[in-house]
């Protein structure tokens, strides 16, 4: 068992709430970072941001079965709690909530939280039920912890927008903060699934970020989305990507299609490269 300087691992909701209550009684603020584990520096940047925003930082590691489709990688999704704990401890996190599936979904659990429209497009279209799984588990985690602020990465930009809308609609008293996408030196967005890439695929992968960055620049310069999107998809396929699920320019708030660069927008992409499906986005 790893020895931590500060981190405490808890596995039940009751124990988690007990420790957080002690801080609340002293009117100390709490920052929360939900994760699925197998942490990298992108996750740790969220911890560092939470450290700046609150008196105490806590995190969760829970690989949520409800957001994986029947043919997705739930069973083999990378896990390493001891390594995660060491990284969290070094980053200044004080509590790691690491519940079992049975703790999170006792007796199966039948209630679901869905966020229609913004949750039905892009990722929601290609992964039916994904955002219902995300919204349900995040609602549970936020109600279990009731932090002052919760930090989510902008790499999963649509997820961030879904969660912001859900929190607003359900009056959950938590401030949701986005954190910039953590990137490798060559621009590839950090992701636990990058471990699935072969050495050859890893050399190709940065083309994803390079391409959507060029799309953003060309869009700001006045090029039209239909032609831009076709050009960008061809760039990815010519570079060695197997398939592009979507590559879109969308409004930065409601993710509606946009046709000119007179308001904040995002270029969002999901593309297959060998085993992993890589997602990324850039601001316009």
Protein backbone atom coordinates (compact mmCIF):
# COMPACT_ATOMS: atom_id res chain seq x y z
CA UNK A 1 0.00 0.00 0.00
CA UNK A 2 1.42 3.37 -1.01
CA UNK A 3 2.27 5.88 1.70
CA UNK A 4 1.01 9.37 0.93
CA UNK A 5 2.11 12.66 2.45
CA UNK A 6 -1.36 14.13 2.53
CA UNK A 7 -3.81 12.19 0.39
CA UNK A 8 -6.54 10.10 1.98
CA UNK A 9 -8.41 7.48 -0.05
CA UNK A 10 -12.09 6.96 0.77
CA UNK A 11 -14.43 4.46 -0.85
CA UNK A 12 -17.91 5.18 0.53
CA UNK A 13 -20.18 8.16 0.03
CA UNK A 14 -20.73 8.42 3.79
CA UNK A 15 -17.00 8.64 4.52
CA UNK A 16 -16.47 11.11 1.68
CA UNK A 17 -19.19 13.40 3.05
CA UNK A 18 -17.83 13.11 6.59
CA UNK A 19 -14.47 14.61 5.68
CA UNK A 20 -15.97 17.35 3.52
CA UNK A 21 -18.41 18.31 6.29
CA UNK A 22 -15.49 19.03 8.63
CA UNK A 23 -14.16 21.62 6.19
CA UNK A 24 -17.57 23.17 5.61
CA UNK A 25 -18.11 23.62 9.35
CA UNK A 26 -14.95 25.75 9.32
CA UNK A 27 -16.32 27.66 6.30
CA UNK A 28 -13.44 26.42 4.14
CA UNK A 29 -14.05 26.04 0.40
CA UNK A 30 -13.79 22.82 -1.61
CA UNK A 31 -12.64 22.27 -5.18
CA UNK A 32 -13.54 18.98 -6.90
CA UNK A 33 -12.03 17.25 -9.95
CA UNK A 34 -13.94 14.16 -11.20
CA UNK A 35 -11.85 11.76 -13.31
CA UNK A 36 -11.84 8.23 -14.69
CA UNK A 37 -8.27 7.73 -13.53
CA UNK A 38 -5.07 6.69 -15.28
CA UNK A 39 -4.03 10.27 -14.71
CA UNK A 40 -1.72 12.38 -16.87
CA UNK A 41 -0.54 15.97 -16.62
CA UNK A 42 -3.76 17.20 -18.20
CA UNK A 43 -5.66 15.88 -15.17
CA UNK A 44 -3.06 17.30 -12.80
CA UNK A 45 -3.49 20.74 -14.36
CA UNK A 46 -7.14 20.53 -13.25
CA UNK A 47 -5.98 19.73 -9.72
CA UNK A 48 -3.63 22.71 -9.79
CA UNK A 49 -6.45 24.97 -10.97
CA UNK A 50 -8.73 23.68 -8.20
CA UNK A 51 -5.94 24.38 -5.67
CA UNK A 52 -6.02 28.03 -6.76
CA UNK A 53 -9.80 28.29 -6.57
CA UNK A 54 -10.49 26.65 -3.19
CA UNK A 55 -9.03 25.96 0.25
CA UNK A 56 -9.13 22.19 -0.26
CA UNK A 57 -8.99 20.01 -3.39
CA UNK A 58 -10.57 16.59 -3.73
CA UNK A 59 -10.82 14.25 -6.72
CA UNK A 60 -12.67 11.13 -7.73
CA UNK A 61 -11.53 8.17 -9.79
CA UNK A 62 -14.45 6.16 -11.12
CA UNK A 63 -14.58 4.36 -14.46
CA UNK A 64 -18.29 4.83 -15.07
CA UNK A 65 -19.82 1.83 -16.88
CA UNK A 66 -22.90 3.87 -17.80
CA UNK A 67 -21.01 6.02 -20.30
CA UNK A 68 -19.53 3.14 -22.27
CA UNK A 69 -21.37 1.57 -25.19
CA UNK A 70 -21.66 -2.23 -25.59
CA UNK A 71 -18.69 -2.39 -27.98
CA UNK A 72 -16.50 0.17 -26.22
CA UNK A 73 -13.46 -0.26 -23.99
CA UNK A 74 -14.88 -0.36 -20.43
CA UNK A 75 -13.31 -3.72 -19.58
CA UNK A 76 -9.83 -2.75 -20.79
CA UNK A 77 -9.88 0.97 -19.95
CA UNK A 78 -6.50 1.65 -18.29
CA UNK A 79 -6.54 1.68 -14.48
CA UNK A 80 -3.77 2.19 -11.90
CA UNK A 81 -5.03 3.52 -8.57
CA UNK A 82 -1.68 3.43 -6.79
CA UNK A 83 -0.04 5.54 -9.49
CA UNK A 84 -3.05 7.89 -9.57
CA UNK A 85 -2.87 8.33 -5.81
CA UNK A 86 0.82 9.19 -5.92
CA UNK A 87 0.27 11.80 -8.63
CA UNK A 88 -2.69 13.33 -6.79
CA UNK A 89 -0.75 13.46 -3.54
CA UNK A 90 2.15 15.26 -5.21
CA UNK A 91 -0.25 17.71 -6.88
CA UNK A 92 -1.81 18.76 -3.58
CA UNK A 93 -5.07 16.79 -3.65
CA UNK A 94 -6.26 15.86 -0.14
CA UNK A 95 -8.96 13.25 -0.74
CA UNK A 96 -9.38 10.67 -3.47
CA UNK A 97 -12.91 9.29 -3.65
CA UNK A 98 -12.59 5.87 -5.31
CA UNK A 99 -15.98 4.13 -5.05
CA UNK A 100 -16.98 0.75 -6.44
CA UNK A 101 -19.71 0.38 -9.06
CA UNK A 102 -21.93 -1.06 -6.31
CA UNK A 103 -21.36 2.01 -4.13
CA UNK A 104 -22.28 4.37 -6.96
CA UNK A 105 -25.23 2.36 -8.28
CA UNK A 106 -26.70 0.40 -5.36
CA UNK A 107 -29.47 -2.01 -6.36
CA UNK A 108 -28.75 -1.18 -9.98
CA UNK A 109 -30.06 2.38 -9.81
CA UNK A 110 -32.74 3.29 -12.36
CA UNK A 111 -32.76 7.11 -12.34
CA UNK A 112 -31.07 8.80 -15.28
CA UNK A 113 -30.22 12.41 -16.04
CA UNK A 114 -30.31 13.46 -19.68
CA UNK A 115 -29.56 16.80 -21.33
CA UNK A 116 -31.40 16.81 -24.67
CA UNK A 117 -30.38 18.81 -27.73
CA UNK A 118 -26.84 19.80 -26.70
CA UNK A 119 -26.30 16.19 -25.56
CA UNK A 120 -27.77 14.60 -28.68
CA UNK A 121 -25.38 16.04 -31.30
CA UNK A 122 -21.73 15.36 -32.19
CA UNK A 123 -20.52 12.90 -29.49
CA UNK A 124 -24.11 12.23 -28.49
CA UNK A 125 -24.99 11.23 -32.05
CA UNK A 126 -22.06 8.85 -32.47
CA UNK A 127 -22.19 7.47 -28.92
CA UNK A 128 -25.91 7.12 -28.04
CA UNK A 129 -26.46 7.24 -24.29
CA UNK A 130 -22.97 8.58 -23.58
CA UNK A 131 -24.01 11.95 -22.22
CA UNK A 132 -26.86 10.43 -20.22
CA UNK A 133 -24.22 8.28 -18.51
CA UNK A 134 -21.98 11.31 -17.98
CA UNK A 135 -24.76 13.58 -16.74
CA UNK A 136 -26.07 10.94 -14.34
CA UNK A 137 -22.72 10.16 -12.72
CA UNK A 138 -21.63 13.81 -12.55
CA UNK A 139 -24.95 14.77 -10.93
CA UNK A 140 -24.40 12.04 -8.35
CA UNK A 141 -20.79 13.08 -7.70
CA UNK A 142 -21.69 16.75 -7.33
CA UNK A 143 -24.52 15.95 -4.91
CA UNK A 144 -22.30 13.56 -2.96
CA UNK A 145 -19.60 16.21 -2.55
CA UNK A 146 -21.39 19.58 -2.98
CA UNK A 147 -18.11 21.38 -3.68
CA UNK A 148 -17.89 25.13 -4.14
CA UNK A 149 -16.28 24.64 -7.55
CA UNK A 150 -15.72 21.68 -9.88
CA UNK A 151 -13.09 21.75 -12.63
CA UNK A 152 -13.44 19.98 -15.98
CA UNK A 153 -11.04 19.98 -18.92
CA UNK A 154 -11.89 21.76 -22.16
CA UNK A 155 -10.56 18.79 -24.12
CA UNK A 156 -14.01 17.25 -23.62
CA UNK A 157 -15.62 20.54 -24.63
CA UNK A 158 -19.10 19.25 -25.39
CA UNK A 159 -19.10 17.42 -22.05
CA UNK A 160 -18.20 20.68 -20.30
CA UNK A 161 -21.12 22.46 -22.00
CA UNK A 162 -23.51 19.60 -21.16
CA UNK A 163 -22.48 19.73 -17.50
CA UNK A 164 -22.81 23.52 -17.33
CA UNK A 165 -26.32 23.30 -18.75
CA UNK A 166 -27.28 20.44 -16.42
CA UNK A 167 -26.03 22.28 -13.32
CA UNK A 168 -27.92 25.41 -14.34
CA UNK A 169 -31.15 23.54 -15.11
CA UNK A 170 -31.09 21.49 -11.89
CA UNK A 171 -30.00 24.40 -9.63
CA UNK A 172 -27.03 22.44 -8.32
CA UNK A 173 -25.09 25.00 -6.22
CA UNK A 174 -21.68 24.33 -7.75
CA UNK A 175 -19.58 26.62 -9.95
CA UNK A 176 -18.31 24.77 -13.04
CA UNK A 177 -14.92 25.88 -14.33
CA UNK A 178 -13.25 24.82 -17.57
CA UNK A 179 -9.49 24.30 -17.78
CA UNK A 180 -7.37 24.54 -20.95
CA UNK A 181 -6.61 21.30 -22.78
CA UNK A 182 -3.34 19.73 -21.67
CA UNK A 183 -1.14 18.98 -24.68
CA UNK A 184 2.02 17.06 -25.45
CA UNK A 185 4.95 19.02 -26.91
CA UNK A 186 3.79 18.19 -30.44
CA UNK A 187 0.25 19.43 -29.76
CA UNK A 188 -1.55 16.11 -29.25
CA UNK A 189 -4.25 16.48 -26.60
CA UNK A 190 -3.38 14.44 -23.51
CA UNK A 191 -5.67 11.43 -23.05
CA UNK A 192 -5.58 8.15 -21.20
CA UNK A 193 -6.51 6.47 -24.48
CA UNK A 194 -3.33 7.71 -26.17
CA UNK A 195 -1.70 4.62 -24.65
CA UNK A 196 -3.58 2.59 -27.30
CA UNK A 197 -1.61 4.25 -30.13
CA UNK A 198 1.17 2.29 -31.81
CA UNK A 199 4.50 4.12 -32.31
CA UNK A 200 3.63 4.78 -35.95
CA UNK A 201 0.14 6.04 -35.08
CA UNK A 202 1.60 8.28 -32.39
CA UNK A 203 3.64 10.06 -35.09
CA UNK A 204 0.47 10.70 -37.09
CA UNK A 205 -1.74 11.76 -34.17
CA UNK A 206 -0.57 15.42 -33.87
CA UNK A 207 -2.02 16.08 -37.34
CA UNK A 208 -5.43 16.21 -35.62
CA UNK A 209 -4.56 19.34 -33.64
CA UNK A 210 -2.61 20.87 -36.52
CA UNK A 211 -5.58 20.45 -38.86
CA UNK A 212 -8.29 21.90 -36.62
CA UNK A 213 -5.97 24.80 -35.74
CA UNK A 214 -5.68 25.54 -39.46
CA UNK A 215 -9.47 25.30 -39.79
CA UNK A 216 -9.85 27.92 -37.07
CA UNK A 217 -7.38 30.25 -38.77
CA UNK A 218 -8.97 29.83 -42.19
CA UNK A 219 -12.47 30.36 -40.76
CA UNK A 220 -11.37 33.60 -39.07
CA UNK A 221 -9.88 34.68 -42.42
CA UNK A 222 -13.29 34.32 -44.07
CA UNK A 223 -13.28 30.84 -45.62
CA UNK A 224 -16.66 29.07 -45.65
CA UNK A 225 -17.34 26.07 -43.37
CA UNK A 226 -18.51 23.50 -45.97
CA UNK A 227 -15.37 23.75 -48.06
CA UNK A 228 -13.15 24.05 -45.00
CA UNK A 229 -14.60 20.92 -43.41
CA UNK A 230 -14.18 18.87 -46.58
CA UNK A 231 -10.57 20.05 -46.88
CA UNK A 232 -9.83 19.21 -43.24
CA UNK A 233 -11.34 15.72 -43.42
CA UNK A 234 -9.21 14.98 -46.48
CA UNK A 235 -6.12 16.20 -44.61
CA UNK A 236 -6.77 13.72 -41.81
CA UNK A 237 -7.52 10.76 -44.06
CA UNK A 238 -4.48 11.49 -46.24
CA UNK A 239 -2.32 11.62 -43.08
CA UNK A 240 -3.39 8.11 -42.08
CA UNK A 241 -6.54 8.49 -39.96
CA UNK A 242 -8.99 5.67 -40.61
CA UNK A 243 -12.28 7.56 -40.31
CA UNK A 244 -13.58 10.98 -39.27
CA UNK A 245 -16.81 10.78 -37.27
CA UNK A 246 -17.27 14.53 -37.30
CA UNK A 247 -15.35 17.74 -37.85
CA UNK A 248 -17.54 20.77 -37.21
CA UNK A 249 -17.44 24.49 -36.48
CA UNK A 250 -19.98 25.20 -33.74
CA UNK A 251 -21.12 28.03 -31.48
CA UNK A 252 -19.02 28.10 -28.30
CA UNK A 253 -22.07 28.14 -26.00
CA UNK A 254 -24.91 26.07 -27.46
CA UNK A 255 -22.89 24.17 -30.12
CA UNK A 256 -25.28 25.23 -32.89
CA UNK A 257 -23.75 25.37 -36.40
CA UNK A 258 -22.08 28.68 -37.28
CA UNK A 259 -21.36 30.11 -40.69
CA UNK A 260 -19.35 33.26 -39.97
CA UNK A 261 -16.72 34.27 -37.44
CA UNK A 262 -18.58 37.11 -35.75
CA UNK A 263 -19.07 35.31 -32.43
CA UNK A 264 -17.08 32.81 -30.30
CA UNK A 265 -16.94 29.35 -31.85
CA UNK A 266 -15.17 26.01 -31.53
CA UNK A 267 -13.78 23.58 -34.06
CA UNK A 268 -14.59 20.09 -32.75
CA UNK A 269 -13.38 16.78 -34.13
CA UNK A 270 -13.54 13.05 -33.49
CA UNK A 271 -11.48 10.71 -35.64
CA UNK A 272 -10.28 7.12 -35.52
CA UNK A 273 -6.59 6.28 -35.66
CA UNK A 274 -6.12 2.55 -35.26
CA UNK A 275 -7.71 1.36 -32.02
CA UNK A 276 -8.40 4.71 -30.32
CA UNK A 277 -10.94 7.33 -31.27
CA UNK A 278 -9.31 10.71 -30.68
CA UNK A 279 -11.26 13.89 -29.90
CA UNK A 280 -10.02 17.47 -29.78
CA UNK A 281 -11.20 21.04 -30.19
CA UNK A 282 -9.86 24.57 -30.52
CA UNK A 283 -11.37 27.98 -29.89
CA UNK A 284 -12.09 30.27 -32.83
